[in-house]
Amino acid sequence: MVYIVINPLHGLKRSGREWNSEVNGWVMGYGSTEPCLYFYNRDVAFAMVLPYFDDILCTTKDEEFKKRTFSKLDEDYGLKDQEQLSIYLGVEVKQDQQSIKIHQAQYCEQILDPFGFRDTQSSRIPVEIIQRLTVNDTDNSTTQSSAIRLFIMYLATCTRPDLAYALGQLSRYMQRPTQEHIRAAKRVLRYLVALRIEESHTRKTHHQSKITLLIDGYCDSD
């Protein structure tokens, strides 16, 4: 017996693509422009819409636009307005009148638990100052450091630029990591034990009745 699937389901190869095509058509048909991060700018209403599967962010000063958008999403797809954002794809968000803060404390816990590092001794820096990792010239290798590196990569990309240097060092020896590389990866985990709730801030400043977000950027070079 063979079944023909009329609608794409979660877990199929084409599910993500089909859902993206559906959402893209819906948002563009609603008057937005640009893919991925959609912009709506008509009359006095300005909004940005960012979908990731069925997790959709909408930011706008026009409350009526927001209500109409989520009312239509509810009608067409059963998606509800969750009010002020608190967590999105593992990134936790705190907002007040002065600032927006983001961190990934829960995600850090999910990393530390499987490797048994929740209650281990912490480290104040993610890498040893005098350590220099080298290429593995033997046949002995392990995949554990690769798994840790993937977790660290998401942290460094989203909220933890302080992990960028350590991530770069680990990434150089992905093909044949040794116990030395595992120790280096575990040191990063011990660093997360100490600073698992490290927040990134954006501060609002009022200037001539306009609100501007000030973003501080940092670069770590070797």
Protein backbone atom coordinates (compact mmCIF):
# COMPACT_ATOMS: atom_id res chain seq x y z
CA MET A 1 0.00 0.00 0.00
CA VAL A 2 1.33 3.45 -0.95
CA TYR A 3 0.14 6.71 0.61
CA ILE A 4 0.35 10.04 -1.18
CA VAL A 5 1.08 12.88 1.25
CA ILE A 6 -1.00 15.90 0.25
CA ASN A 7 0.51 18.32 2.77
CA PRO A 8 4.20 18.38 3.84
CA LEU A 9 4.84 17.00 7.31
CA HIS A 10 7.60 17.59 9.85
CA GLY A 11 10.57 15.33 9.27
CA LEU A 12 10.34 14.91 5.51
CA LYS A 13 13.18 16.08 3.28
CA ARG A 14 11.08 18.75 1.62
CA SER A 15 9.18 19.86 4.72
CA GLY A 16 11.37 22.86 5.50
CA ARG A 17 11.43 24.05 1.91
CA GLU A 18 7.67 23.64 1.45
CA TRP A 19 6.89 25.48 4.66
CA ASN A 20 9.31 28.29 3.76
CA SER A 21 7.64 28.66 0.36
CA GLU A 22 4.25 28.81 2.05
CA VAL A 23 5.29 31.42 4.62
CA ASN A 24 7.20 33.45 2.01
CA GLY A 25 4.12 33.62 -0.20
CA TRP A 26 1.93 34.56 2.77
CA VAL A 27 4.18 37.36 4.03
CA MET A 28 4.94 38.78 0.58
CA GLY A 29 1.25 38.69 -0.25
CA TYR A 30 0.58 40.74 2.84
CA GLY A 31 2.58 43.63 1.39
CA SER A 32 6.09 42.92 2.72
CA THR A 33 9.35 43.06 0.78
CA GLU A 34 12.71 41.24 0.96
CA PRO A 35 13.07 37.53 1.87
CA CYS A 36 14.19 36.08 5.22
CA LEU A 37 13.86 39.33 7.20
CA TYR A 38 10.71 40.87 5.74
CA PHE A 39 10.03 44.61 5.76
CA TYR A 40 6.62 46.24 5.69
CA ASN A 41 6.59 49.98 5.07
CA ARG A 42 3.29 51.49 4.03
CA ASP A 43 1.60 54.72 5.06
CA VAL A 44 2.63 55.29 8.68
CA ALA A 45 3.16 51.61 9.51
CA PHE A 46 6.64 50.08 9.57
CA ALA A 47 7.32 46.52 10.67
CA MET A 48 9.89 43.74 10.38
CA VAL A 49 8.91 40.07 10.35
CA LEU A 50 11.43 37.25 10.90
CA PRO A 51 10.13 33.66 10.51
CA TYR A 52 11.98 30.48 11.47
CA PHE A 53 9.65 27.59 10.73
CA ASP A 54 6.62 28.35 12.92
CA ASP A 55 8.53 30.70 15.26
CA ILE A 56 7.80 34.15 13.88
CA LEU A 57 9.06 37.44 15.28
CA CYS A 58 7.31 40.71 14.53
CA THR A 59 8.56 44.12 15.63
CA THR A 60 6.61 47.30 15.00
CA LYS A 61 5.41 50.48 16.70
CA ASP A 62 2.00 50.08 15.07
CA GLU A 63 -0.08 48.02 17.50
CA GLU A 64 -2.97 47.72 15.06
CA PHE A 65 -0.69 46.28 12.39
CA LYS A 66 0.60 43.72 14.86
CA LYS A 67 -2.92 42.69 15.88
CA ARG A 68 -4.04 42.33 12.26
CA THR A 69 -0.94 40.31 11.37
CA PHE A 70 -1.29 37.80 14.20
CA SER A 71 -5.04 37.60 13.78
CA LYS A 72 -4.46 36.55 10.17
CA LEU A 73 -1.70 34.10 11.20
CA ASP A 74 -4.07 32.55 13.72
CA GLU A 75 -6.82 32.31 11.14
CA ASP A 76 -4.63 30.73 8.46
CA TYR A 77 -2.16 28.63 10.49
CA GLY A 78 -3.27 28.60 14.11
CA LEU A 79 -0.24 30.63 15.24
CA LYS A 80 -0.85 32.69 18.38
CA ASP A 81 0.62 35.97 19.56
CA GLN A 82 2.85 35.22 22.57
CA GLU A 83 3.11 38.92 23.48
CA GLN A 84 6.54 40.28 24.48
CA LEU A 85 9.45 38.10 23.38
CA SER A 86 11.12 36.09 26.16
CA ILE A 87 12.93 33.28 24.31
CA TYR A 88 13.66 32.58 20.65
CA LEU A 89 15.67 29.63 19.31
CA GLY A 90 17.46 29.16 22.62
CA VAL A 91 18.18 32.87 23.09
CA GLU A 92 16.57 34.35 26.21
CA VAL A 93 15.47 37.98 26.01
CA LYS A 94 14.87 40.57 28.73
CA GLN A 95 13.42 43.96 27.84
CA ASP A 96 12.70 47.16 29.73
CA GLN A 97 12.43 50.86 28.90
CA GLN A 98 16.21 51.37 28.93
CA SER A 99 17.69 48.27 27.34
CA ILE A 100 17.37 44.86 25.73
CA LYS A 101 19.45 42.00 27.16
CA ILE A 102 20.00 38.57 25.64
CA HIS A 103 21.70 35.45 27.00
CA GLN A 104 21.62 31.64 26.62
CA ALA A 105 21.73 30.33 30.18
CA GLN A 106 19.31 27.47 29.50
CA TYR A 107 21.24 26.47 26.39
CA CYS A 108 24.46 26.44 28.43
CA GLU A 109 22.81 24.07 30.91
CA GLN A 110 21.85 21.78 28.04
CA ILE A 111 25.48 21.71 26.92
CA LEU A 112 26.99 21.14 30.37
CA ASP A 113 24.65 18.36 31.54
CA PRO A 114 25.41 15.69 28.88
CA PHE A 115 29.15 16.11 29.42
CA GLY A 116 28.84 16.07 33.23
CA PHE A 117 30.08 19.63 33.72
CA ARG A 118 27.19 21.20 35.63
CA ASP A 119 28.96 21.12 39.02
CA THR A 120 32.58 20.88 37.89
CA GLN A 121 35.34 23.34 38.78
CA SER A 122 35.02 26.51 36.71
CA SER A 123 37.60 28.48 34.73
CA ARG A 124 37.76 32.26 34.36
CA ILE A 125 39.23 32.13 30.84
CA PRO A 126 38.21 29.84 27.93
CA VAL A 127 41.75 28.95 26.78
CA GLU A 128 45.11 28.38 28.42
CA ILE A 129 47.36 31.37 27.78
CA ILE A 130 50.45 29.34 26.86
CA GLN A 131 48.63 26.47 25.14
CA ARG A 132 49.31 25.88 21.44
CA LEU A 133 47.29 23.13 19.82
CA THR A 134 49.05 21.03 17.19
CA VAL A 135 48.13 18.73 14.33
CA ASN A 136 47.46 15.08 15.15
CA ASP A 137 50.16 12.97 13.47
CA THR A 138 48.90 9.66 14.89
CA ASP A 139 45.97 7.42 14.05
CA ASN A 140 44.33 8.11 17.41
CA SER A 141 41.42 10.51 17.17
CA THR A 142 38.09 11.16 18.87
CA THR A 143 34.81 12.88 18.00
CA GLN A 144 33.96 14.30 21.42
CA SER A 145 35.68 17.64 20.84
CA SER A 146 33.76 17.99 17.56
CA ALA A 147 30.45 17.66 19.40
CA ILE A 148 31.48 20.26 21.97
CA ARG A 149 32.65 22.60 19.20
CA LEU A 150 29.25 22.51 17.50
CA PHE A 151 27.52 23.54 20.73
CA ILE A 152 30.05 26.33 21.29
CA MET A 153 29.62 27.57 17.72
CA TYR A 154 25.93 28.36 18.26
CA LEU A 155 26.75 30.23 21.47
CA ALA A 156 29.52 32.25 19.82
CA THR A 157 27.31 33.10 16.86
CA CYS A 158 24.31 34.26 18.90
CA THR A 159 25.37 35.83 22.19
CA ARG A 160 28.94 34.92 23.18
CA PRO A 161 31.59 36.61 21.00
CA ASP A 162 34.03 35.99 23.88
CA LEU A 163 34.13 32.35 22.73
CA ALA A 164 35.21 33.23 19.18
CA TYR A 165 38.96 32.79 19.71
CA ALA A 166 38.59 29.43 21.50
CA LEU A 167 36.18 28.27 18.79
CA GLY A 168 38.66 29.24 16.08
CA GLN A 169 41.44 27.26 17.77
CA LEU A 170 39.28 24.14 18.11
CA SER A 171 38.04 24.41 14.52
CA ARG A 172 41.56 24.18 13.10
CA TYR A 173 41.90 20.54 14.15
CA MET A 174 38.45 19.14 13.44
CA GLN A 175 39.59 16.35 11.14
CA ARG A 176 41.73 14.39 13.64
CA PRO A 177 41.30 15.74 17.18
CA THR A 178 43.31 14.22 20.03
CA GLN A 179 42.99 14.12 23.81
CA GLU A 180 44.81 17.46 23.88
CA HIS A 181 42.03 18.98 21.81
CA ILE A 182 39.41 17.41 24.08
CA ARG A 183 41.04 19.00 27.12
CA ALA A 184 40.95 22.36 25.33
CA ALA A 185 37.26 21.88 24.50
CA LYS A 186 36.46 20.91 28.08
CA ARG A 187 38.20 24.03 29.34
CA VAL A 188 35.66 26.06 27.37
CA LEU A 189 32.91 24.11 29.13
CA ARG A 190 34.45 24.98 32.51
CA TYR A 191 34.48 28.61 31.41
CA LEU A 192 30.74 28.34 30.72
CA VAL A 193 30.23 27.00 34.24
CA ALA A 194 31.59 30.29 35.57
CA LEU A 195 29.88 32.58 33.07
CA ARG A 196 26.83 30.73 31.81
CA ILE A 197 24.64 33.83 32.32
CA GLU A 198 26.72 36.36 30.44
CA GLU A 199 24.36 38.93 28.92
CA SER A 200 24.72 41.00 25.78
CA HIS A 201 23.15 44.46 26.03
CA THR A 202 21.73 47.01 23.66
CA ARG A 203 21.04 50.37 25.29
CA LYS A 204 18.41 52.88 24.26
CA THR A 205 19.16 56.58 24.26
CA HIS A 206 16.69 59.42 23.78
CA HIS A 207 17.80 62.19 21.44
CA GLN A 208 15.40 64.83 20.17
CA SER A 209 12.39 62.65 20.97
CA LYS A 210 13.79 59.76 18.91
CA ILE A 211 14.83 56.37 20.30
CA THR A 212 18.08 54.96 18.96
CA LEU A 213 19.67 51.59 19.71
CA LEU A 214 23.39 51.79 20.42
CA ILE A 215 25.23 48.57 19.50
CA ASP A 216 28.77 47.98 20.81
CA GLY A 217 30.92 45.72 18.64
CA TYR A 218 34.11 43.90 19.63
CA CYS A 219 36.79 42.12 17.60
CA ASP A 220 39.19 39.47 18.92
CA SER A 221 42.20 38.97 16.65
CA ASP A 222 45.14 36.58 17.01
